[in-house]
Amino acid sequence: KQKISNLKNILASDKIKCFFTKFSKKATIATVLGITILIVSIIAV
């Protein structure tokens, strides 16, 4: 539970938000989708 909580905190940080603003909307959507899949995979494992 603690590991998942830490991962969520990282995604919600200001640095991640700044990173997404530099890319196009499409790139942003793809990146978010990849990260979401990664999170779901980690949770499943």
All heavy atoms as atom14 arrays in JSON, in Angstrom:
{
  "sequence": "KQKISNLKNILASDKIKCFFTKFSKKATIATVLGITILIVSIIAV",
  "atom14_mask": [
    [1, 1, 1, 1, 1, 1, 1, 1, 1, 0, 0, 0, 0, 0],
    [1, 1, 1, 1, 1, 1, 1, 1, 1, 0, 0, 0, 0, 0],
    [1, 1, 1, 1, 1, 1, 1, 1, 1, 0, 0, 0, 0, 0],
    [1, 1, 1, 1, 1, 1, 1, 1, 0, 0, 0, 0, 0, 0],
    [1, 1, 1, 1, 1, 1, 0, 0, 0, 0, 0, 0, 0, 0],
    [1, 1, 1, 1, 1, 1, 1, 1, 0, 0, 0, 0, 0, 0],
    [1, 1, 1, 1, 1, 1, 1, 1, 0, 0, 0, 0, 0, 0],
    [1, 1, 1, 1, 1, 1, 1, 1, 1, 0, 0, 0, 0, 0],
    [1, 1, 1, 1, 1, 1, 1, 1, 0, 0, 0, 0, 0, 0],
    [1, 1, 1, 1, 1, 1, 1, 1, 0, 0, 0, 0, 0, 0],
    [1, 1, 1, 1, 1, 1, 1, 1, 0, 0, 0, 0, 0, 0],
    [1, 1, 1, 1, 1, 0, 0, 0, 0, 0, 0, 0, 0, 0],
    [1, 1, 1, 1, 1, 1, 0, 0, 0, 0, 0, 0, 0, 0],
    [1, 1, 1, 1, 1, 1, 1, 1, 0, 0, 0, 0, 0, 0],
    [1, 1, 1, 1, 1, 1, 1, 1, 1, 0, 0, 0, 0, 0],
    [1, 1, 1, 1, 1, 1, 1, 1, 0, 0, 0, 0, 0, 0],
    [1, 1, 1, 1, 1, 1, 1, 1, 1, 0, 0, 0, 0, 0],
    [1, 1, 1, 1, 1, 1, 0, 0, 0, 0, 0, 0, 0, 0],
    [1, 1, 1, 1, 1, 1, 1, 1, 1, 1, 1, 0, 0, 0],
    [1, 1, 1, 1, 1, 1, 1, 1, 1, 1, 1, 0, 0, 0],
    [1, 1, 1, 1, 1, 1, 1, 0, 0, 0, 0, 0, 0, 0],
    [1, 1, 1, 1, 1, 1, 1, 1, 1, 0, 0, 0, 0, 0],
    [1, 1, 1, 1, 1, 1, 1, 1, 1, 1, 1, 0, 0, 0],
    [1, 1, 1, 1, 1, 1, 0, 0, 0, 0, 0, 0, 0, 0],
    [1, 1, 1, 1, 1, 1, 1, 1, 1, 0, 0, 0, 0, 0],
    [1, 1, 1, 1, 1, 1, 1, 1, 1, 0, 0, 0, 0, 0],
    [1, 1, 1, 1, 1, 0, 0, 0, 0, 0, 0, 0, 0, 0],
    [1, 1, 1, 1, 1, 1, 1, 0, 0, 0, 0, 0, 0, 0],
    [1, 1, 1, 1, 1, 1, 1, 1, 0, 0, 0, 0, 0, 0],
    [1, 1, 1, 1, 1, 0, 0, 0, 0, 0, 0, 0, 0, 0],
    [1, 1, 1, 1, 1, 1, 1, 0, 0, 0, 0, 0, 0, 0],
    [1, 1, 1, 1, 1, 1, 1, 0, 0, 0, 0, 0, 0, 0],
    [1, 1, 1, 1, 1, 1, 1, 1, 0, 0, 0, 0, 0, 0],
    [1, 1, 1, 1, 0, 0, 0, 0, 0, 0, 0, 0, 0, 0],
    [1, 1, 1, 1, 1, 1, 1, 1, 0, 0, 0, 0, 0, 0],
    [1, 1, 1, 1, 1, 1, 1, 0, 0, 0, 0, 0, 0, 0],
    [1, 1, 1, 1, 1, 1, 1, 1, 0, 0, 0, 0, 0, 0],
    [1, 1, 1, 1, 1, 1, 1, 1, 0, 0, 0, 0, 0, 0],
    [1, 1, 1, 1, 1, 1, 1, 1, 0, 0, 0, 0, 0, 0],
    [1, 1, 1, 1, 1, 1, 1, 0, 0, 0, 0, 0, 0, 0],
    [1, 1, 1, 1, 1, 1, 0, 0, 0, 0, 0, 0, 0, 0],
    [1, 1, 1, 1, 1, 1, 1, 1, 0, 0, 0, 0, 0, 0],
    [1, 1, 1, 1, 1, 1, 1, 1, 0, 0, 0, 0, 0, 0],
    [1, 1, 1, 1, 1, 0, 0, 0, 0, 0, 0, 0, 0, 0],
    [1, 1, 1, 1, 1, 1, 1, 0, 0, 0, 0, 0, 0, 0]
  ],
  "atom14_positions": [
    [[0.84, -1.21, 0.0], [0.0, 0.0, 0.0], [0.87, 1.26, 0.0], [0.58, 2.25, -0.68], [-0.94, -0.01, 1.2], [-2.01, -1.08, 1.15], [-2.88, -1.03, 2.4], [-3.95, -2.1, 2.37], [-4.8, -2.05, 3.58], [0.0, 0.0, 0.0], [0.0, 0.0, 0.0], [0.0, 0.0, 0.0], [0.0, 0.0, 0.0], [0.0, 0.0, 0.0]],
    [[1.96, 1.21, 0.77], [2.84, 2.38, 0.88], [3.52, 2.68, -0.45], [3.67, 3.84, -0.86], [3.88, 2.13, 1.98], [4.79, 3.32, 2.26], [3.99, 4.5, 2.79], [3.09, 4.33, 3.62], [4.27, 5.7, 2.28], [0.0, 0.0, 0.0], [0.0, 0.0, 0.0], [0.0, 0.0, 0.0], [0.0, 0.0, 0.0], [0.0, 0.0, 0.0]],
    [[3.92, 1.66, -1.22], [4.58, 1.85, -2.52], [3.64, 2.5, -3.54], [4.02, 3.39, -4.3], [5.08, 0.51, -3.05], [6.26, -0.06, -2.26], [6.67, -1.41, -2.81], [7.82, -1.99, -2.0], [8.21, -3.32, -2.5], [0.0, 0.0, 0.0], [0.0, 0.0, 0.0], [0.0, 0.0, 0.0], [0.0, 0.0, 0.0], [0.0, 0.0, 0.0]],
    [[2.4, 2.06, -3.55], [1.41, 2.63, -4.48], [1.14, 4.07, -4.14], [1.04, 4.96, -5.0], [0.11, 1.79, -4.45], [0.39, 0.41, -5.02], [-0.99, 2.48, -5.23], [-0.76, -0.56, -4.89], [0.0, 0.0, 0.0], [0.0, 0.0, 0.0], [0.0, 0.0, 0.0], [0.0, 0.0, 0.0], [0.0, 0.0, 0.0], [0.0, 0.0, 0.0]],
    [[1.05, 4.35, -2.84], [0.81, 5.73, -2.41], [1.96, 6.64, -2.83], [1.75, 7.77, -3.29], [0.64, 5.76, -0.89], [0.48, 7.09, -0.44], [0.0, 0.0, 0.0], [0.0, 0.0, 0.0], [0.0, 0.0, 0.0], [0.0, 0.0, 0.0], [0.0, 0.0, 0.0], [0.0, 0.0, 0.0], [0.0, 0.0, 0.0], [0.0, 0.0, 0.0]],
    [[3.17, 6.13, -2.74], [4.34, 6.93, -3.14], [4.31, 7.25, -4.64], [4.65, 8.35, -5.08], [5.64, 6.21, -2.79], [5.84, 6.12, -1.28], [5.25, 6.9, -0.53], [6.68, 5.18, -0.84], [0.0, 0.0, 0.0], [0.0, 0.0, 0.0], [0.0, 0.0, 0.0], [0.0, 0.0, 0.0], [0.0, 0.0, 0.0], [0.0, 0.0, 0.0]],
    [[3.9, 6.24, -5.45], [3.83, 6.43, -6.9], [2.8, 7.49, -7.26], [3.02, 8.36, -8.12], [3.52, 5.1, -7.58], [3.45, 5.12, -9.11], [4.8, 5.61, -9.7], [3.14, 3.72, -9.65], [0.0, 0.0, 0.0], [0.0, 0.0, 0.0], [0.0, 0.0, 0.0], [0.0, 0.0, 0.0], [0.0, 0.0, 0.0], [0.0, 0.0, 0.0]],
    [[1.67, 7.49, -6.61], [0.62, 8.48, -6.85], [1.11, 9.88, -6.51], [0.82, 10.86, -7.21], [-0.62, 8.14, -6.05], [-1.36, 6.92, -6.56], [-2.6, 6.64, -5.69], [-3.35, 5.43, -6.2], [-4.55, 5.14, -5.36], [0.0, 0.0, 0.0], [0.0, 0.0, 0.0], [0.0, 0.0, 0.0], [0.0, 0.0, 0.0], [0.0, 0.0, 0.0]],
    [[1.85, 9.99, -5.45], [2.38, 11.29, -5.05], [3.33, 11.85, -6.09], [3.38, 13.06, -6.35], [3.08, 11.18, -3.69], [2.09, 10.94, -2.56], [0.91, 11.28, -2.69], [2.57, 10.35, -1.48], [0.0, 0.0, 0.0], [0.0, 0.0, 0.0], [0.0, 0.0, 0.0], [0.0, 0.0, 0.0], [0.0, 0.0, 0.0], [0.0, 0.0, 0.0]],
    [[4.12, 11.0, -6.7], [5.06, 11.44, -7.74], [4.32, 11.99, -8.95], [4.64, 13.04, -9.5], [5.98, 10.28, -8.14], [6.92, 9.92, -6.99], [6.8, 10.62, -9.39], [7.74, 8.68, -7.23], [0.0, 0.0, 0.0], [0.0, 0.0, 0.0], [0.0, 0.0, 0.0], [0.0, 0.0, 0.0], [0.0, 0.0, 0.0], [0.0, 0.0, 0.0]],
    [[3.26, 11.27, -9.38], [2.47, 11.7, -10.55], [1.78, 13.03, -10.3], [1.53, 13.8, -11.23], [1.46, 10.63, -10.93], [2.06, 9.3, -11.44], [0.94, 8.28, -11.68], [2.86, 9.52, -12.72], [0.0, 0.0, 0.0], [0.0, 0.0, 0.0], [0.0, 0.0, 0.0], [0.0, 0.0, 0.0], [0.0, 0.0, 0.0], [0.0, 0.0, 0.0]],
    [[1.46, 13.29, -9.08], [0.74, 14.53, -8.74], [1.67, 15.7, -8.49], [1.21, 16.81, -8.2], [-0.15, 14.3, -7.53], [0.0, 0.0, 0.0], [0.0, 0.0, 0.0], [0.0, 0.0, 0.0], [0.0, 0.0, 0.0], [0.0, 0.0, 0.0], [0.0, 0.0, 0.0], [0.0, 0.0, 0.0], [0.0, 0.0, 0.0], [0.0, 0.0, 0.0]],
    [[2.98, 15.47, -8.59], [3.94, 16.54, -8.25], [3.99, 17.61, -9.34], [3.62, 17.39, -10.49], [5.33, 15.94, -8.03], [5.81, 15.44, -9.25], [0.0, 0.0, 0.0], [0.0, 0.0, 0.0], [0.0, 0.0, 0.0], [0.0, 0.0, 0.0], [0.0, 0.0, 0.0], [0.0, 0.0, 0.0], [0.0, 0.0, 0.0], [0.0, 0.0, 0.0]],
    [[4.49, 18.83, -8.99], [4.59, 19.96, -9.92], [5.54, 19.69, -11.08], [5.34, 20.16, -12.22], [5.05, 21.21, -9.18], [3.99, 21.68, -8.18], [2.8, 21.35, -8.41], [4.35, 22.37, -7.2], [0.0, 0.0, 0.0], [0.0, 0.0, 0.0], [0.0, 0.0, 0.0], [0.0, 0.0, 0.0], [0.0, 0.0, 0.0], [0.0, 0.0, 0.0]],
    [[6.6, 18.95, -10.85], [7.57, 18.65, -11.91], [6.93, 17.87, -13.04], [7.21, 18.08, -14.22], [8.75, 17.87, -11.33], [9.64, 18.71, -10.41], [10.83, 17.92, -9.94], [11.73, 18.77, -9.03], [12.89, 18.0, -8.55], [0.0, 0.0, 0.0], [0.0, 0.0, 0.0], [0.0, 0.0, 0.0], [0.0, 0.0, 0.0], [0.0, 0.0, 0.0]],
    [[6.06, 16.92, -12.71], [5.38, 16.14, -13.75], [4.44, 17.04, -14.55], [4.34, 16.97, -15.77], [4.61, 14.98, -13.13], [5.6, 13.98, -12.49], [3.79, 14.25, -14.17], [6.54, 13.33, -13.48], [0.0, 0.0, 0.0], [0.0, 0.0, 0.0], [0.0, 0.0, 0.0], [0.0, 0.0, 0.0], [0.0, 0.0, 0.0], [0.0, 0.0, 0.0]],
    [[3.73, 17.92, -13.82], [2.79, 18.83, -14.51], [3.55, 19.74, -15.49], [3.1, 20.03, -16.6], [2.03, 19.65, -13.48], [1.05, 18.84, -12.66], [0.34, 19.7, -11.62], [-0.63, 18.89, -10.8], [-1.28, 19.7, -9.75], [0.0, 0.0, 0.0], [0.0, 0.0, 0.0], [0.0, 0.0, 0.0], [0.0, 0.0, 0.0], [0.0, 0.0, 0.0]],
    [[4.72, 20.27, -15.12], [5.53, 21.12, -16.0], [5.99, 20.38, -17.24], [6.04, 20.91, -18.35], [6.74, 21.64, -15.25], [6.38, 23.16, -14.37], [0.0, 0.0, 0.0], [0.0, 0.0, 0.0], [0.0, 0.0, 0.0], [0.0, 0.0, 0.0], [0.0, 0.0, 0.0], [0.0, 0.0, 0.0], [0.0, 0.0, 0.0], [0.0, 0.0, 0.0]],
    [[6.32, 19.11, -17.01], [6.8, 18.28, -18.11], [5.72, 18.14, -19.18], [5.97, 18.24, -20.38], [7.25, 16.91, -17.57], [7.62, 15.95, -18.65], [8.86, 16.03, -19.31], [6.74, 14.96, -19.06], [9.19, 15.14, -20.3], [7.08, 14.07, -20.04], [8.31, 14.15, -20.68], [0.0, 0.0, 0.0], [0.0, 0.0, 0.0], [0.0, 0.0, 0.0]],
    [[4.49, 17.94, -18.73], [3.4, 17.72, -19.69], [3.06, 18.99, -20.48], [2.61, 18.93, -21.63], [2.14, 17.24, -18.95], [2.26, 15.79, -18.5], [1.69, 15.38, -17.32], [2.96, 14.87, -19.28], [1.79, 14.07, -16.91], [3.05, 13.55, -18.86], [2.48, 13.15, -17.69], [0.0, 0.0, 0.0], [0.0, 0.0, 0.0], [0.0, 0.0, 0.0]],
    [[3.27, 20.15, -19.94], [2.92, 21.39, -20.65], [3.82, 21.65, -21.84], [3.49, 22.42, -22.74], [3.0, 22.58, -19.68], [4.31, 22.68, -19.16], [2.01, 22.44, -18.57], [0.0, 0.0, 0.0], [0.0, 0.0, 0.0], [0.0, 0.0, 0.0], [0.0, 0.0, 0.0], [0.0, 0.0, 0.0], [0.0, 0.0, 0.0], [0.0, 0.0, 0.0]],
    [[4.98, 21.08, -21.91], [5.95, 21.3, -22.98], [5.65, 20.46, -24.23], [6.29, 20.57, -25.25], [7.37, 20.99, -22.5], [7.84, 21.96, -21.4], [9.22, 21.59, -20.95], [9.71, 22.53, -19.84], [11.07, 22.19, -19.4], [0.0, 0.0, 0.0], [0.0, 0.0, 0.0], [0.0, 0.0, 0.0], [0.0, 0.0, 0.0], [0.0, 0.0, 0.0]],
    [[4.76, 19.53, -24.11], [4.44, 18.65, -25.23], [3.07, 18.99, -25.79], [2.25, 19.64, -25.13], [4.48, 17.19, -24.77], [5.88, 16.74, -24.4], [6.34, 16.85, -23.11], [6.73, 16.22, -25.38], [7.6, 16.44, -22.77], [8.0, 15.81, -25.02], [8.44, 15.91, -23.72], [0.0, 0.0, 0.0], [0.0, 0.0, 0.0], [0.0, 0.0, 0.0]],
    [[2.86, 18.46, -26.95], [1.55, 18.66, -27.59], [0.48, 17.89, -26.87], [0.77, 17.03, -26.06], [1.61, 18.22, -29.06], [1.89, 16.83, -29.11], [0.0, 0.0, 0.0], [0.0, 0.0, 0.0], [0.0, 0.0, 0.0], [0.0, 0.0, 0.0], [0.0, 0.0, 0.0], [0.0, 0.0, 0.0], [0.0, 0.0, 0.0], [0.0, 0.0, 0.0]],
    [[-0.68, 18.24, -27.21], [-1.82, 17.58, -26.55], [-1.8, 16.09, -26.8], [-2.05, 15.28, -25.9], [-3.1, 18.19, -27.08], [-4.33, 17.74, -26.32], [-5.54, 18.5, -26.83], [-6.77, 18.09, -26.05], [-7.98, 18.81, -26.54], [0.0, 0.0, 0.0], [0.0, 0.0, 0.0], [0.0, 0.0, 0.0], [0.0, 0.0, 0.0], [0.0, 0.0, 0.0]],
    [[-1.45, 15.68, -28.08], [-1.43, 14.26, -28.38], [-0.35, 13.55, -27.59], [-0.54, 12.45, -27.05], [-1.17, 14.04, -29.88], [-2.4, 14.26, -30.74], [-2.08, 13.88, -32.18], [-3.3, 14.02, -33.07], [-3.01, 13.62, -34.47], [0.0, 0.0, 0.0], [0.0, 0.0, 0.0], [0.0, 0.0, 0.0], [0.0, 0.0, 0.0], [0.0, 0.0, 0.0]],
    [[0.79, 14.17, -27.61], [1.89, 13.54, -26.86], [1.55, 13.42, -25.38], [1.87, 12.44, -24.71], [3.17, 14.37, -27.04], [0.0, 0.0, 0.0], [0.0, 0.0, 0.0], [0.0, 0.0, 0.0], [0.0, 0.0, 0.0], [0.0, 0.0, 0.0], [0.0, 0.0, 0.0], [0.0, 0.0, 0.0], [0.0, 0.0, 0.0], [0.0, 0.0, 0.0]],
    [[0.86, 14.44, -24.92], [0.49, 14.41, -23.48], [-0.47, 13.28, -23.19], [-0.32, 12.55, -22.2], [-0.16, 15.74, -23.09], [0.77, 16.79, -23.32], [-0.56, 15.72, -21.62], [0.0, 0.0, 0.0], [0.0, 0.0, 0.0], [0.0, 0.0, 0.0], [0.0, 0.0, 0.0], [0.0, 0.0, 0.0], [0.0, 0.0, 0.0], [0.0, 0.0, 0.0]],
    [[-1.41, 13.1, -24.07], [-2.41, 12.02, -23.85], [-1.72, 10.67, -23.89], [-1.98, 9.79, -23.07], [-3.51, 12.1, -24.93], [-4.33, 13.37, -24.72], [-4.42, 10.87, -24.86], [-5.33, 13.65, -25.83], [0.0, 0.0, 0.0], [0.0, 0.0, 0.0], [0.0, 0.0, 0.0], [0.0, 0.0, 0.0], [0.0, 0.0, 0.0], [0.0, 0.0, 0.0]],
    [[-0.79, 10.49, -24.87], [-0.1, 9.19, -24.98], [0.75, 8.91, -23.74], [0.81, 7.78, -23.23], [0.79, 9.2, -26.24], [0.0, 0.0, 0.0], [0.0, 0.0, 0.0], [0.0, 0.0, 0.0], [0.0, 0.0, 0.0], [0.0, 0.0, 0.0], [0.0, 0.0, 0.0], [0.0, 0.0, 0.0], [0.0, 0.0, 0.0], [0.0, 0.0, 0.0]],
    [[1.39, 9.97, -23.28], [2.24, 9.79, -22.1], [1.41, 9.42, -20.87], [1.77, 8.52, -20.1], [3.04, 11.07, -21.81], [3.82, 11.39, -22.97], [3.94, 10.9, -20.6], [0.0, 0.0, 0.0], [0.0, 0.0, 0.0], [0.0, 0.0, 0.0], [0.0, 0.0, 0.0], [0.0, 0.0, 0.0], [0.0, 0.0, 0.0], [0.0, 0.0, 0.0]],
    [[0.32, 10.14, -20.72], [-0.55, 9.85, -19.56], [-1.09, 8.43, -19.63], [-1.15, 7.71, -18.62], [-1.7, 10.86, -19.49], [-2.72, 10.43, -18.43], [-1.17, 12.24, -19.19], [0.0, 0.0, 0.0], [0.0, 0.0, 0.0], [0.0, 0.0, 0.0], [0.0, 0.0, 0.0], [0.0, 0.0, 0.0], [0.0, 0.0, 0.0], [0.0, 0.0, 0.0]],
    [[-1.47, 8.04, -20.87], [-2.0, 6.69, -21.01], [-0.95, 5.63, -20.66], [-1.22, 4.64, -19.96], [-2.48, 6.49, -22.46], [-3.1, 5.12, -22.78], [-4.33, 4.89, -21.9], [-3.5, 5.04, -24.25], [0.0, 0.0, 0.0], [0.0, 0.0, 0.0], [0.0, 0.0, 0.0], [0.0, 0.0, 0.0], [0.0, 0.0, 0.0], [0.0, 0.0, 0.0]],
    [[0.31, 5.89, -21.09], [1.37, 4.92, -20.77], [1.64, 4.82, -19.28], [1.84, 3.72, -18.73], [0.0, 0.0, 0.0], [0.0, 0.0, 0.0], [0.0, 0.0, 0.0], [0.0, 0.0, 0.0], [0.0, 0.0, 0.0], [0.0, 0.0, 0.0], [0.0, 0.0, 0.0], [0.0, 0.0, 0.0], [0.0, 0.0, 0.0], [0.0, 0.0, 0.0]],
    [[1.63, 6.0, -18.68], [1.88, 5.98, -17.22], [0.75, 5.28, -16.49], [0.97, 4.52, -15.53], [2.05, 7.42, -16.71], [3.34, 8.03, -17.27], [2.07, 7.46, -15.19], [3.55, 9.49, -16.94], [0.0, 0.0, 0.0], [0.0, 0.0, 0.0], [0.0, 0.0, 0.0], [0.0, 0.0, 0.0], [0.0, 0.0, 0.0], [0.0, 0.0, 0.0]],
    [[-0.47, 5.5, -16.97], [-1.63, 4.84, -16.33], [-1.52, 3.32, -16.44], [-1.78, 2.6, -15.48], [-2.93, 5.33, -16.98], [-3.02, 6.74, -16.84], [-4.13, 4.67, -16.31], [0.0, 0.0, 0.0], [0.0, 0.0, 0.0], [0.0, 0.0, 0.0], [0.0, 0.0, 0.0], [0.0, 0.0, 0.0], [0.0, 0.0, 0.0], [0.0, 0.0, 0.0]],
    [[-1.12, 2.89, -17.65], [-0.97, 1.42, -17.84], [0.11, 0.88, -16.9], [-0.02, -0.2, -16.31], [-0.63, 1.13, -19.31], [-1.83, 1.46, -20.2], [-0.23, -0.34, -19.48], [-1.52, 1.38, -21.69], [0.0, 0.0, 0.0], [0.0, 0.0, 0.0], [0.0, 0.0, 0.0], [0.0, 0.0, 0.0], [0.0, 0.0, 0.0], [0.0, 0.0, 0.0]],
    [[1.2, 1.67, -16.79], [2.28, 1.24, -15.89], [1.81, 1.12, -14.45], [2.12, 0.15, -13.76], [3.44, 2.25, -16.0], [4.62, 1.99, -15.05], [5.26, 0.64, -15.36], [5.64, 3.11, -15.17], [0.0, 0.0, 0.0], [0.0, 0.0, 0.0], [0.0, 0.0, 0.0], [0.0, 0.0, 0.0], [0.0, 0.0, 0.0], [0.0, 0.0, 0.0]],
    [[1.03, 2.11, -14.03], [0.52, 2.09, -12.64], [-0.38, 0.88, -12.41], [-0.27, 0.17, -11.41], [-0.22, 3.39, -12.32], [0.76, 4.56, -12.3], [-0.95, 3.27, -10.98], [0.1, 5.9, -12.16], [0.0, 0.0, 0.0], [0.0, 0.0, 0.0], [0.0, 0.0, 0.0], [0.0, 0.0, 0.0], [0.0, 0.0, 0.0], [0.0, 0.0, 0.0]],
    [[-1.28, 0.66, -13.41], [-2.19, -0.49, -13.27], [-1.42, -1.8, -13.23], [-1.73, -2.72, -12.44], [-3.22, -0.5, -14.43], [-4.03, -1.79, -14.4], [-4.12, 0.71, -14.34], [0.0, 0.0, 0.0], [0.0, 0.0, 0.0], [0.0, 0.0, 0.0], [0.0, 0.0, 0.0], [0.0, 0.0, 0.0], [0.0, 0.0, 0.0], [0.0, 0.0, 0.0]],
    [[-0.35, -1.89, -14.05], [0.47, -3.11, -14.06], [1.16, -3.33, -12.73], [1.23, -4.45, -12.2], [1.5, -3.02, -15.2], [0.88, -2.92, -16.45], [0.0, 0.0, 0.0], [0.0, 0.0, 0.0], [0.0, 0.0, 0.0], [0.0, 0.0, 0.0], [0.0, 0.0, 0.0], [0.0, 0.0, 0.0], [0.0, 0.0, 0.0], [0.0, 0.0, 0.0]],
    [[1.68, -2.21, -12.22], [2.36, -2.32, -10.91], [1.4, -2.78, -9.84], [1.7, -3.65, -9.01], [3.0, -0.98, -10.55], [4.16, -0.68, -11.49], [3.48, -0.99, -9.1], [4.75, 0.71, -11.3], [0.0, 0.0, 0.0], [0.0, 0.0, 0.0], [0.0, 0.0, 0.0], [0.0, 0.0, 0.0], [0.0, 0.0, 0.0], [0.0, 0.0, 0.0]],
    [[0.19, -2.17, -9.9], [-0.82, -2.55, -8.88], [-1.18, -4.03, -9.02], [-1.33, -4.75, -8.03], [-2.06, -1.67, -9.02], [-1.71, -0.23, -8.63], [-3.19, -2.2, -8.14], [-2.84, 0.76, -8.9], [0.0, 0.0, 0.0], [0.0, 0.0, 0.0], [0.0, 0.0, 0.0], [0.0, 0.0, 0.0], [0.0, 0.0, 0.0], [0.0, 0.0, 0.0]],
    [[-1.31, -4.5, -10.28], [-1.68, -5.9, -10.51], [-0.6, -6.84, -9.99], [-0.88, -7.86, -9.35], [-1.92, -6.12, -12.01], [0.0, 0.0, 0.0], [0.0, 0.0, 0.0], [0.0, 0.0, 0.0], [0.0, 0.0, 0.0], [0.0, 0.0, 0.0], [0.0, 0.0, 0.0], [0.0, 0.0, 0.0], [0.0, 0.0, 0.0], [0.0, 0.0, 0.0]],
    [[0.66, -6.46, -10.3], [1.77, -7.3, -9.82], [1.8, -7.32, -8.29], [1.97, -8.36, -7.65], [3.11, -6.78, -10.39], [4.28, -7.5, -9.71], [3.16, -6.99, -11.89], [0.0, 0.0, 0.0], [0.0, 0.0, 0.0], [0.0, 0.0, 0.0], [0.0, 0.0, 0.0], [0.0, 0.0, 0.0], [0.0, 0.0, 0.0], [0.0, 0.0, 0.0]]
  ]
}
